[in-house]
PDB file of N, CA and C in Angstrom:
ATOM      1  N   MET A   1     108.056 -17.083  35.485  1.00  0.00           N
ATOM      2  CA  MET A   1     108.139 -18.509  35.707  1.00  0.00           C
ATOM      3  C   MET A   1     109.310 -18.773  36.657  1.00  0.00           C
ATOM      4  N   ASN A   2     109.059 -18.661  37.940  1.00  0.00           N
ATOM      5  CA  ASN A   2     110.097 -18.869  38.947  1.00  0.00           C
ATOM      6  C   ASN A   2     109.871 -20.158  39.707  1.00  0.00           C
ATOM      7  N   LEU A   3     110.973 -20.846  39.998  1.00  0.00           N
ATOM      8  CA  LEU A   3     110.909 -22.037  40.838  1.00  0.00           C
ATOM      9  C   LEU A   3     110.933 -21.609  42.302  1.00  0.00           C
ATOM     10  N   ASP A   4     110.116 -22.223  43.104  1.00  0.00           N
ATOM     11  CA  ASP A   4     110.017 -21.906  44.530  1.00  0.00           C
ATOM     12  C   ASP A   4     111.361 -22.192  45.205  1.00  0.00           C
ATOM     13  N   PRO A   5     112.025 -21.169  45.743  1.00  0.00           N
ATOM     14  CA  PRO A   5     113.343 -21.386  46.361  1.00  0.00           C
ATOM     15  C   PRO A   5     113.297 -22.266  47.611  1.00  0.00           C
ATOM     16  N   VAL A   6     112.147 -22.343  48.279  1.00  0.00           N
ATOM     17  CA  VAL A   6     112.039 -23.209  49.451  1.00  0.00           C
ATOM     18  C   VAL A   6     112.113 -24.667  49.025  1.00  0.00           C
ATOM     19  N   ILE A   7     111.494 -25.007  47.928  1.00  0.00           N
ATOM     20  CA  ILE A   7     111.472 -26.387  47.434  1.00  0.00           C
ATOM     21  C   ILE A   7     112.724 -26.705  46.623  1.00  0.00           C
ATOM     22  N   HIS A   8     113.318 -25.714  45.995  1.00  0.00           N
ATOM     23  CA  HIS A   8     114.366 -25.931  44.990  1.00  0.00           C
ATOM     24  C   HIS A   8     115.633 -26.604  45.516  1.00  0.00           C
ATOM     25  N   ALA A   9     115.977 -26.453  46.773  1.00  0.00           N
ATOM     26  CA  ALA A   9     117.164 -27.132  47.312  1.00  0.00           C
ATOM     27  C   ALA A   9     116.999 -28.637  47.103  1.00  0.00           C
ATOM     28  N   PRO A  10     118.019 -29.322  46.600  1.00  0.00           N
ATOM     29  CA  PRO A  10     117.871 -30.744  46.259  1.00  0.00           C
ATOM     30  C   PRO A  10     117.278 -31.614  47.372  1.00  0.00           C
ATOM     31  N   ALA A  11     117.745 -31.472  48.586  1.00  0.00           N
ATOM     32  CA  ALA A  11     117.213 -32.317  49.674  1.00  0.00           C
ATOM     33  C   ALA A  11     115.745 -32.004  49.933  1.00  0.00           C
ATOM     34  N   ARG A  12     115.365 -30.730  49.897  1.00  0.00           N
ATOM     35  CA  ARG A  12     113.956 -30.375  50.134  1.00  0.00           C
ATOM     36  C   ARG A  12     113.077 -30.855  48.985  1.00  0.00           C
ATOM     37  N   LEU A  13     113.584 -30.801  47.766  1.00  0.00           N
ATOM     38  CA  LEU A  13     112.838 -31.319  46.624  1.00  0.00           C
ATOM     39  C   LEU A  13     112.615 -32.822  46.787  1.00  0.00           C
ATOM     40  N   GLN A  14     113.621 -33.546  47.242  1.00  0.00           N
ATOM     41  CA  GLN A  14     113.468 -34.982  47.463  1.00  0.00           C
ATOM     42  C   GLN A  14     112.468 -35.268  48.577  1.00  0.00           C
ATOM     43  N   ILE A  15     112.514 -34.497  49.640  1.00  0.00           N
ATOM     44  CA  ILE A  15     111.555 -34.672  50.739  1.00  0.00           C
ATOM     45  C   ILE A  15     110.133 -34.444  50.239  1.00  0.00           C
ATOM     46  N   MET A  16     109.932 -33.347  49.524  1.00  0.00           N
ATOM     47  CA  MET A  16     108.599 -33.033  49.008  1.00  0.00           C
ATOM     48  C   MET A  16     108.115 -34.123  48.065  1.00  0.00           C
ATOM     49  N   SER A  17     108.987 -34.603  47.202  1.00  0.00           N
ATOM     50  CA  SER A  17     108.618 -35.643  46.243  1.00  0.00           C
ATOM     51  C   SER A  17     108.227 -36.932  46.960  1.00  0.00           C
ATOM     52  N   LEU A  18     109.000 -37.312  47.961  1.00  0.00           N
ATOM     53  CA  LEU A  18     108.697 -38.525  48.720  1.00  0.00           C
ATOM     54  C   LEU A  18     107.366 -38.390  49.453  1.00  0.00           C
ATOM     55  N   LEU A  19     107.148 -37.244  50.092  1.00  0.00           N
ATOM     56  CA  LEU A  19     105.914 -37.047  50.855  1.00  0.00           C
ATOM     57  C   LEU A  19     104.695 -36.903  49.944  1.00  0.00           C
ATOM     58  N   ALA A  20     104.888 -36.435  48.715  1.00  0.00           N
ATOM     59  CA  ALA A  20     103.766 -36.292  47.781  1.00  0.00           C
ATOM     60  C   ALA A  20     103.166 -37.648  47.422  1.00  0.00           C
ATOM     61  N   ALA A  21     103.981 -38.693  47.566  1.00  0.00           N
ATOM     62  CA  ALA A  21     103.514 -40.033  47.216  1.00  0.00           C
ATOM     63  C   ALA A  21     102.950 -40.789  48.419  1.00  0.00           C
ATOM     64  N   ALA A  22     102.861 -40.117  49.568  1.00  0.00           N
ATOM     65  CA  ALA A  22     102.418 -40.798  50.787  1.00  0.00           C
ATOM     66  C   ALA A  22     101.446 -39.915  51.560  1.00  0.00           C
ATOM     67  N   THR A  23     100.684 -40.538  52.422  1.00  0.00           N
ATOM     68  CA  THR A  23      99.834 -39.784  53.334  1.00  0.00           C
ATOM     69  C   THR A  23     100.694 -39.166  54.419  1.00  0.00           C
ATOM     70  N   GLU A  24     101.633 -39.957  54.917  1.00  0.00           N
ATOM     71  CA  GLU A  24     102.514 -39.554  56.006  1.00  0.00           C
ATOM     72  C   GLU A  24     103.706 -40.501  55.985  1.00  0.00           C
ATOM     73  N   ALA A  25     104.878 -40.031  56.417  1.00  0.00           N
ATOM     74  CA  ALA A  25     106.056 -40.895  56.456  1.00  0.00           C
ATOM     75  C   ALA A  25     106.822 -40.668  57.752  1.00  0.00           C
ATOM     76  N   GLU A  26     107.324 -41.754  58.308  1.00  0.00           N
ATOM     77  CA  GLU A  26     108.119 -41.655  59.527  1.00  0.00           C
ATOM     78  C   GLU A  26     109.485 -41.046  59.203  1.00  0.00           C
ATOM     79  N   PHE A  27     109.968 -40.215  60.102  1.00  0.00           N
ATOM     80  CA  PHE A  27     111.234 -39.514  59.948  1.00  0.00           C
ATOM     81  C   PHE A  27     112.345 -40.469  59.517  1.00  0.00           C
ATOM     82  N   SER A  28     112.468 -41.604  60.194  1.00  0.00           N
ATOM     83  CA  SER A  28     113.550 -42.542  59.884  1.00  0.00           C
ATOM     84  C   SER A  28     113.415 -43.117  58.475  1.00  0.00           C
ATOM     85  N   PHE A  29     112.185 -43.330  58.004  1.00  0.00           N
ATOM     86  CA  PHE A  29     111.970 -43.816  56.643  1.00  0.00           C
ATOM     87  C   PHE A  29     112.451 -42.781  55.629  1.00  0.00           C
ATOM     88  N   VAL A  30     112.094 -41.521  55.849  1.00  0.00           N
ATOM     89  CA  VAL A  30     112.520 -40.449  54.946  1.00  0.00           C
ATOM     90  C   VAL A  30     114.045 -40.348  54.964  1.00  0.00           C
ATOM     91  N   ARG A  31     114.624 -40.339  56.144  1.00  0.00           N
ATOM     92  CA  ARG A  31     116.085 -40.245  56.291  1.00  0.00           C
ATOM     93  C   ARG A  31     116.783 -41.372  55.544  1.00  0.00           C
ATOM     94  N   ASP A  32     116.336 -42.595  55.768  1.00  0.00           N
ATOM     95  CA  ASP A  32     116.986 -43.752  55.153  1.00  0.00           C
ATOM     96  C   ASP A  32     116.766 -43.798  53.647  1.00  0.00           C
ATOM     97  N   THR A  33     115.574 -43.453  53.199  1.00  0.00           N
ATOM     98  CA  THR A  33     115.276 -43.467  51.772  1.00  0.00           C
ATOM     99  C   THR A  33     116.117 -42.431  51.026  1.00  0.00           C
ATOM    100  N   LEU A  34     116.257 -41.257  51.611  1.00  0.00           N
ATOM    101  CA  LEU A  34     117.015 -40.185  50.962  1.00  0.00           C
ATOM    102  C   LEU A  34     118.509 -40.242  51.272  1.00  0.00           C
ATOM    103  N   GLU A  35     118.878 -41.121  52.196  1.00  0.00           N
ATOM    104  CA  GLU A  35     120.279 -41.291  52.588  1.00  0.00           C
ATOM    105  C   GLU A  35     120.913 -39.970  53.024  1.00  0.00           C
ATOM    106  N   ILE A  36     120.230 -39.305  53.975  1.00  0.00           N
ATOM    107  CA  ILE A  36     120.763 -38.080  54.556  1.00  0.00           C
ATOM    108  C   ILE A  36     120.808 -38.246  56.073  1.00  0.00           C
ATOM    109  N   SER A  37     121.562 -37.381  56.726  1.00  0.00           N
ATOM    110  CA  SER A  37     121.708 -37.473  58.175  1.00  0.00           C
ATOM    111  C   SER A  37     120.461 -36.963  58.892  1.00  0.00           C
ATOM    112  N   ASP A  38     120.335 -37.341  60.156  1.00  0.00           N
ATOM    113  CA  ASP A  38     119.245 -36.834  60.990  1.00  0.00           C
ATOM    114  C   ASP A  38     119.249 -35.312  61.010  1.00  0.00           C
ATOM    115  N   SER A  39     120.432 -34.733  61.195  1.00  0.00           N
ATOM    116  CA  SER A  39     120.511 -33.272  61.316  1.00  0.00           C
ATOM    117  C   SER A  39     120.142 -32.580  60.011  1.00  0.00           C
ATOM    118  N   ALA A  40     120.559 -33.138  58.874  1.00  0.00           N
ATOM    119  CA  ALA A  40     120.205 -32.539  57.581  1.00  0.00           C
ATOM    120  C   ALA A  40     118.698 -32.619  57.355  1.00  0.00           C
ATOM    121  N   LEU A  41     118.109 -33.779  57.636  1.00  0.00           N
ATOM    122  CA  LEU A  41     116.659 -33.924  57.459  1.00  0.00           C
ATOM    123  C   LEU A  41     115.913 -32.986  58.395  1.00  0.00           C
ATOM    124  N   SER A  42     116.357 -32.905  59.622  1.00  0.00           N
ATOM    125  CA  SER A  42     115.706 -32.029  60.590  1.00  0.00           C
ATOM    126  C   SER A  42     115.752 -30.572  60.132  1.00  0.00           C
ATOM    127  N   LYS A  43     116.897 -30.142  59.649  1.00  0.00           N
ATOM    128  CA  LYS A  43     117.060 -28.759  59.170  1.00  0.00           C
ATOM    129  C   LYS A  43     116.137 -28.475  57.985  1.00  0.00           C
ATOM    130  N   HIS A  44     116.138 -29.373  57.003  1.00  0.00           N
ATOM    131  CA  HIS A  44     115.299 -29.156  55.821  1.00  0.00           C
ATOM    132  C   HIS A  44     113.810 -29.271  56.160  1.00  0.00           C
ATOM    133  N   ALA A  45     113.460 -30.207  57.030  1.00  0.00           N
ATOM    134  CA  ALA A  45     112.057 -30.349  57.434  1.00  0.00           C
ATOM    135  C   ALA A  45     111.589 -29.085  58.159  1.00  0.00           C
ATOM    136  N   SER A  46     112.445 -28.510  58.985  1.00  0.00           N
ATOM    137  CA  SER A  46     112.089 -27.271  59.688  1.00  0.00           C
ATOM    138  C   SER A  46     111.843 -26.132  58.707  1.00  0.00           C
ATOM    139  N   SER A  47     112.656 -26.048  57.658  1.00  0.00           N
ATOM    140  CA  SER A  47     112.463 -25.009  56.636  1.00  0.00           C
ATOM    141  C   SER A  47     111.136 -25.200  55.910  1.00  0.00           C
ATOM    142  N   LEU A  48     110.823 -26.445  55.582  1.00  0.00           N
ATOM    143  CA  LEU A  48     109.559 -26.731  54.897  1.00  0.00           C
ATOM    144  C   LEU A  48     108.364 -26.486  55.813  1.00  0.00           C
ATOM    145  N   GLU A  49     108.523 -26.791  57.089  1.00  0.00           N
ATOM    146  CA  GLU A  49     107.447 -26.539  58.050  1.00  0.00           C
ATOM    147  C   GLU A  49     107.233 -25.038  58.219  1.00  0.00           C
ATOM    148  N   ALA A  50     108.300 -24.266  58.280  1.00  0.00           N
ATOM    149  CA  ALA A  50     108.196 -22.810  58.433  1.00  0.00           C
ATOM    150  C   ALA A  50     107.475 -22.181  57.244  1.00  0.00           C
ATOM    151  N   ALA A  51     107.618 -22.783  56.070  1.00  0.00           N
ATOM    152  CA  ALA A  51     106.935 -22.296  54.870  1.00  0.00           C
ATOM    153  C   ALA A  51     105.484 -22.773  54.817  1.00  0.00           C
ATOM    154  N   GLY A  52     105.114 -23.659  55.734  1.00  0.00           N
ATOM    155  CA  GLY A  52     103.752 -24.186  55.742  1.00  0.00           C
ATOM    156  C   GLY A  52     103.552 -25.337  54.780  1.00  0.00           C
ATOM    157  N   TYR A  53     104.652 -25.938  54.306  1.00  0.00           N
ATOM    158  CA  TYR A  53     104.559 -27.001  53.306  1.00  0.00           C
ATOM    159  C   TYR A  53     104.445 -28.397  53.901  1.00  0.00           C
ATOM    160  N   ILE A  54     104.983 -28.593  55.103  1.00  0.00           N
ATOM    161  CA  ILE A  54     104.845 -29.893  55.742  1.00  0.00           C
ATOM    162  C   ILE A  54     104.411 -29.705  57.190  1.00  0.00           C
ATOM    163  N   GLU A  55     103.871 -30.763  57.737  1.00  0.00           N
ATOM    164  CA  GLU A  55     103.509 -30.814  59.151  1.00  0.00           C
ATOM    165  C   GLU A  55     104.401 -31.867  59.798  1.00  0.00           C
ATOM    166  N   ILE A  56     104.967 -31.520  60.933  1.00  0.00           N
ATOM    167  CA  ILE A  56     105.793 -32.450  61.694  1.00  0.00           C
ATOM    168  C   ILE A  56     104.998 -32.847  62.930  1.00  0.00           C
ATOM    169  N   ARG A  57     104.791 -34.154  63.070  1.00  0.00           N
ATOM    170  CA  ARG A  57     104.019 -34.666  64.200  1.00  0.00           C
ATOM    171  C   ARG A  57     104.895 -35.582  65.027  1.00  0.00           C
ATOM    172  N   LYS A  58     104.885 -35.368  66.321  1.00  0.00           N
ATOM    173  CA  LYS A  58     105.668 -36.203  67.237  1.00  0.00           C
ATOM    174  C   LYS A  58     104.723 -37.033  68.096  1.00  0.00           C
ATOM    175  N   GLY A  59     105.152 -38.243  68.377  1.00  0.00           N
ATOM    176  CA  GLY A  59     104.355 -39.133  69.206  1.00  0.00           C
ATOM    177  C   GLY A  59     105.192 -40.296  69.674  1.00  0.00           C
ATOM    178  N   HIS A  60     104.532 -41.350  70.078  1.00  0.00           N
ATOM    179  CA  HIS A  60     105.225 -42.535  70.569  1.00  0.00           C
ATOM    180  C   HIS A  60     104.615 -43.786  69.954  1.00  0.00           C
ATOM    181  N   VAL A  61     105.470 -44.753  69.716  1.00  0.00           N
ATOM    182  CA  VAL A  61     105.038 -46.097  69.364  1.00  0.00           C
ATOM    183  C   VAL A  61     105.540 -46.955  70.517  1.00  0.00           C
ATOM    184  N   GLY A  62     104.609 -47.402  71.335  1.00  0.00           N
ATOM    185  CA  GLY A  62     105.004 -48.021  72.603  1.00  0.00           C
ATOM    186  C   GLY A  62     105.651 -46.938  73.456  1.00  0.00           C
ATOM    187  N   LYS A  63     106.848 -47.193  73.911  1.00  0.00           N
ATOM    188  CA  LYS A  63     107.562 -46.201  74.706  1.00  0.00           C
ATOM    189  C   LYS A  63     108.597 -45.435  73.891  1.00  0.00           C
ATOM    190  N   ARG A  64     108.679 -45.727  72.613  1.00  0.00           N
ATOM    191  CA  ARG A  64     109.695 -45.110  71.769  1.00  0.00           C
ATOM    192  C   ARG A  64     109.150 -43.863  71.076  1.00  0.00           C
ATOM    193  N   PRO A  65     109.884 -42.762  71.175  1.00  0.00           N
ATOM    194  CA  PRO A  65     109.446 -41.543  70.489  1.00  0.00           C
ATOM    195  C   PRO A  65     109.594 -41.696  68.974  1.00  0.00           C
ATOM    196  N   ARG A  66     108.644 -41.128  68.259  1.00  0.00           N
ATOM    197  CA  ARG A  66     108.662 -41.168  66.794  1.00  0.00           C
ATOM    198  C   ARG A  66     108.266 -39.796  66.264  1.00  0.00           C
ATOM    199  N   THR A  67     108.718 -39.520  65.048  1.00  0.00           N
ATOM    200  CA  THR A  67     108.363 -38.279  64.358  1.00  0.00           C
ATOM    201  C   THR A  67     107.865 -38.646  62.967  1.00  0.00           C
ATOM    202  N   TRP A  68     106.763 -38.023  62.561  1.00  0.00           N
ATOM    203  CA  TRP A  68     106.187 -38.253  61.241  1.00  0.00           C
ATOM    204  C   TRP A  68     106.129 -36.934  60.484  1.00  0.00           C
ATOM    205  N   LEU A  69     106.276 -37.020  59.181  1.00  0.00           N
ATOM    206  CA  LEU A  69     106.209 -35.856  58.291  1.00  0.00           C
ATOM    207  C   LEU A  69     105.091 -36.084  57.293  1.00  0.00           C
ATOM    208  N   LYS A  70     104.383 -35.010  56.970  1.00  0.00           N
ATOM    209  CA  LYS A  70     103.377 -35.110  55.908  1.00  0.00           C
ATOM    210  C   LYS A  70     103.210 -33.753  55.244  1.00  0.00           C
ATOM    211  N   LEU A  71     102.842 -33.801  53.970  1.00  0.00           N
ATOM    212  CA  LEU A  71     102.576 -32.558  53.241  1.00  0.00           C
ATOM    213  C   LEU A  71     101.267 -31.957  53.721  1.00  0.00           C
ATOM    214  N   THR A  72     101.244 -30.645  53.810  1.00  0.00           N
ATOM    215  CA  THR A  72     100.001 -29.932  54.065  1.00  0.00           C
ATOM    216  C   THR A  72      99.322 -29.715  52.718  1.00  0.00           C
ATOM    217  N   ASP A  73      98.089 -29.258  52.734  1.00  0.00           N
ATOM    218  CA  ASP A  73      97.418 -28.925  51.470  1.00  0.00           C
ATOM    219  C   ASP A  73      98.214 -27.858  50.723  1.00  0.00           C
ATOM    220  N   ARG A  74      98.700 -26.875  51.463  1.00  0.00           N
ATOM    221  CA  ARG A  74      99.524 -25.818  50.855  1.00  0.00           C
ATOM    222  C   ARG A  74     100.790 -26.414  50.237  1.00  0.00           C
ATOM    223  N   GLY A  75     101.390 -27.385  50.913  1.00  0.00           N
ATOM    224  CA  GLY A  75     102.585 -28.043  50.401  1.00  0.00           C
ATOM    225  C   GLY A  75     102.312 -28.815  49.124  1.00  0.00           C
ATOM    226  N   ARG A  76     101.171 -29.506  49.077  1.00  0.00           N
ATOM    227  CA  ARG A  76     100.806 -30.243  47.849  1.00  0.00           C
ATOM    228  C   ARG A  76     100.614 -29.288  46.678  1.00  0.00           C
ATOM    229  N   GLU A  77      99.960 -28.167  46.949  1.00  0.00           N
ATOM    230  CA  GLU A  77      99.764 -27.167  45.884  1.00  0.00           C
ATOM    231  C   GLU A  77     101.095 -26.584  45.431  1.00  0.00           C
ATOM    232  N   ALA A  78     101.959 -26.251  46.379  1.00  0.00           N
ATOM    233  CA  ALA A  78     103.264 -25.675  46.049  1.00  0.00           C
ATOM    234  C   ALA A  78     104.108 -26.669  45.260  1.00  0.00           C
ATOM    235  N   PHE A  79     104.078 -27.927  45.658  1.00  0.00           N
ATOM    236  CA  PHE A  79     104.853 -28.948  44.948  1.00  0.00           C
ATOM    237  C   PHE A  79     104.307 -29.143  43.538  1.00  0.00           C
ATOM    238  N   GLY A  80     102.992 -29.200  43.400  1.00  0.00           N
ATOM    239  CA  GLY A  80     102.392 -29.330  42.068  1.00  0.00           C
ATOM    240  C   GLY A  80     102.769 -28.171  41.166  1.00  0.00           C
ATOM    241  N   SER A  81     102.739 -26.964  41.694  1.00  0.00           N
ATOM    242  CA  SER A  81     103.115 -25.785  40.936  1.00  0.00           C
ATOM    243  C   SER A  81     104.597 -25.826  40.562  1.00  0.00           C
ATOM    244  N   TYR A  82     105.427 -26.281  41.484  1.00  0.00           N
ATOM    245  CA  TYR A  82     106.868 -26.403  41.234  1.00  0.00           C
ATOM    246  C   TYR A  82     107.108 -27.368  40.069  1.00  0.00           C
ATOM    247  N   VAL A  83     106.457 -28.522  40.110  1.00  0.00           N
ATOM    248  CA  VAL A  83     106.629 -29.534  39.069  1.00  0.00           C
ATOM    249  C   VAL A  83     106.152 -28.995  37.720  1.00  0.00           C
ATOM    250  N   GLU A  84     105.014 -28.310  37.701  1.00  0.00           N
ATOM    251  CA  GLU A  84     104.508 -27.724  36.451  1.00  0.00           C
ATOM    252  C   GLU A  84     105.491 -26.711  35.878  1.00  0.00           C
ATOM    253  N   THR A  85     106.036 -25.859  36.735  1.00  0.00           N
ATOM    254  CA  THR A  85     107.009 -24.858  36.287  1.00  0.00           C
ATOM    255  C   THR A  85     108.255 -25.542  35.739  1.00  0.00           C
ATOM    256  N   LEU A  86     108.732 -26.543  36.433  1.00  0.00           N
ATOM    257  CA  LEU A  86     109.912 -27.280  35.973  1.00  0.00           C
ATOM    258  C   LEU A  86     109.644 -27.949  34.625  1.00  0.00           C
ATOM    259  N   GLN A  87     108.455 -28.502  34.442  1.00  0.00           N
ATOM    260  CA  GLN A  87     108.103 -29.136  33.165  1.00  0.00           C
ATOM    261  C   GLN A  87     108.074 -28.110  32.031  1.00  0.00           C
ATOM    262  N   ARG A  88     107.560 -26.898  32.321  1.00  0.00           N
ATOM    263  CA  ARG A  88     107.550 -25.855  31.289  1.00  0.00           C
ATOM    264  C   ARG A  88     108.972 -25.451  30.920  1.00  0.00           C
ATOM    265  N   ILE A  89     109.840 -25.333  31.912  1.00  0.00           N
ATOM    266  CA  ILE A  89     111.236 -24.953  31.644  1.00  0.00           C
ATOM    267  C   ILE A  89     111.920 -26.024  30.814  1.00  0.00           C
ATOM    268  N   VAL A  90     111.768 -27.272  31.211  1.00  0.00           N
ATOM    269  CA  VAL A  90     112.409 -28.375  30.499  1.00  0.00           C
ATOM    270  C   VAL A  90     111.781 -28.549  29.115  1.00  0.00           C
ATOM    271  N   GLY A  91     110.482 -28.330  29.027  1.00  0.00           N
ATOM    272  CA  GLY A  91     109.786 -28.467  27.750  1.00  0.00           C
ATOM    273  C   GLY A  91     110.322 -27.553  26.670  1.00  0.00           C
ATOM    274  N   ARG A  92     110.817 -26.412  27.056  1.00  0.00           N
ATOM    275  CA  ARG A  92     111.390 -25.475  26.083  1.00  0.00           C
ATOM    276  C   ARG A  92     112.582 -26.086  25.353  1.00  0.00           C
ATOM    277  N   SER A  93     113.358 -26.879  26.066  1.00  0.00           N
ATOM    278  CA  SER A  93     114.549 -27.453  25.456  1.00  0.00           C
ATOM    279  C   SER A  93     114.234 -28.638  24.555  1.00  0.00           C
ATOM    280  N   LEU A  94     113.024 -29.158  24.660  1.00  0.00           N
ATOM    281  CA  LEU A  94     112.634 -30.323  23.877  1.00  0.00           C
ATOM    282  C   LEU A  94     111.958 -29.950  22.561  1.00  0.00           C
ATOM    283  N   THR A  95     111.688 -28.664  22.372  1.00  0.00           N
ATOM    284  CA  THR A  95     110.995 -28.264  21.128  1.00  0.00           C
ATOM    285  C   THR A  95     111.938 -27.652  20.146  1.00  0.00           C
TER     286      THR A  95
END
């Protein structure tokens, strides 16, 4: 019963949790909601993307560049498994 080390870092866990509740989220929304810096979010998002857990999409709204993040199917499965494992670990202390 191991927790996924890619997800386990607090900022990455928060990113995964936020994205699990959405189809897609704009980079600035994630940054502001989690109250982390651009560089911290970028670093953690890159780690999650390298693991295949999120997709990073770049585009424009009008002439302004934008970046969106979303969970991949693999990311949703990994997050669900992470949550189940965490519930089993915590459940032991409640019995």
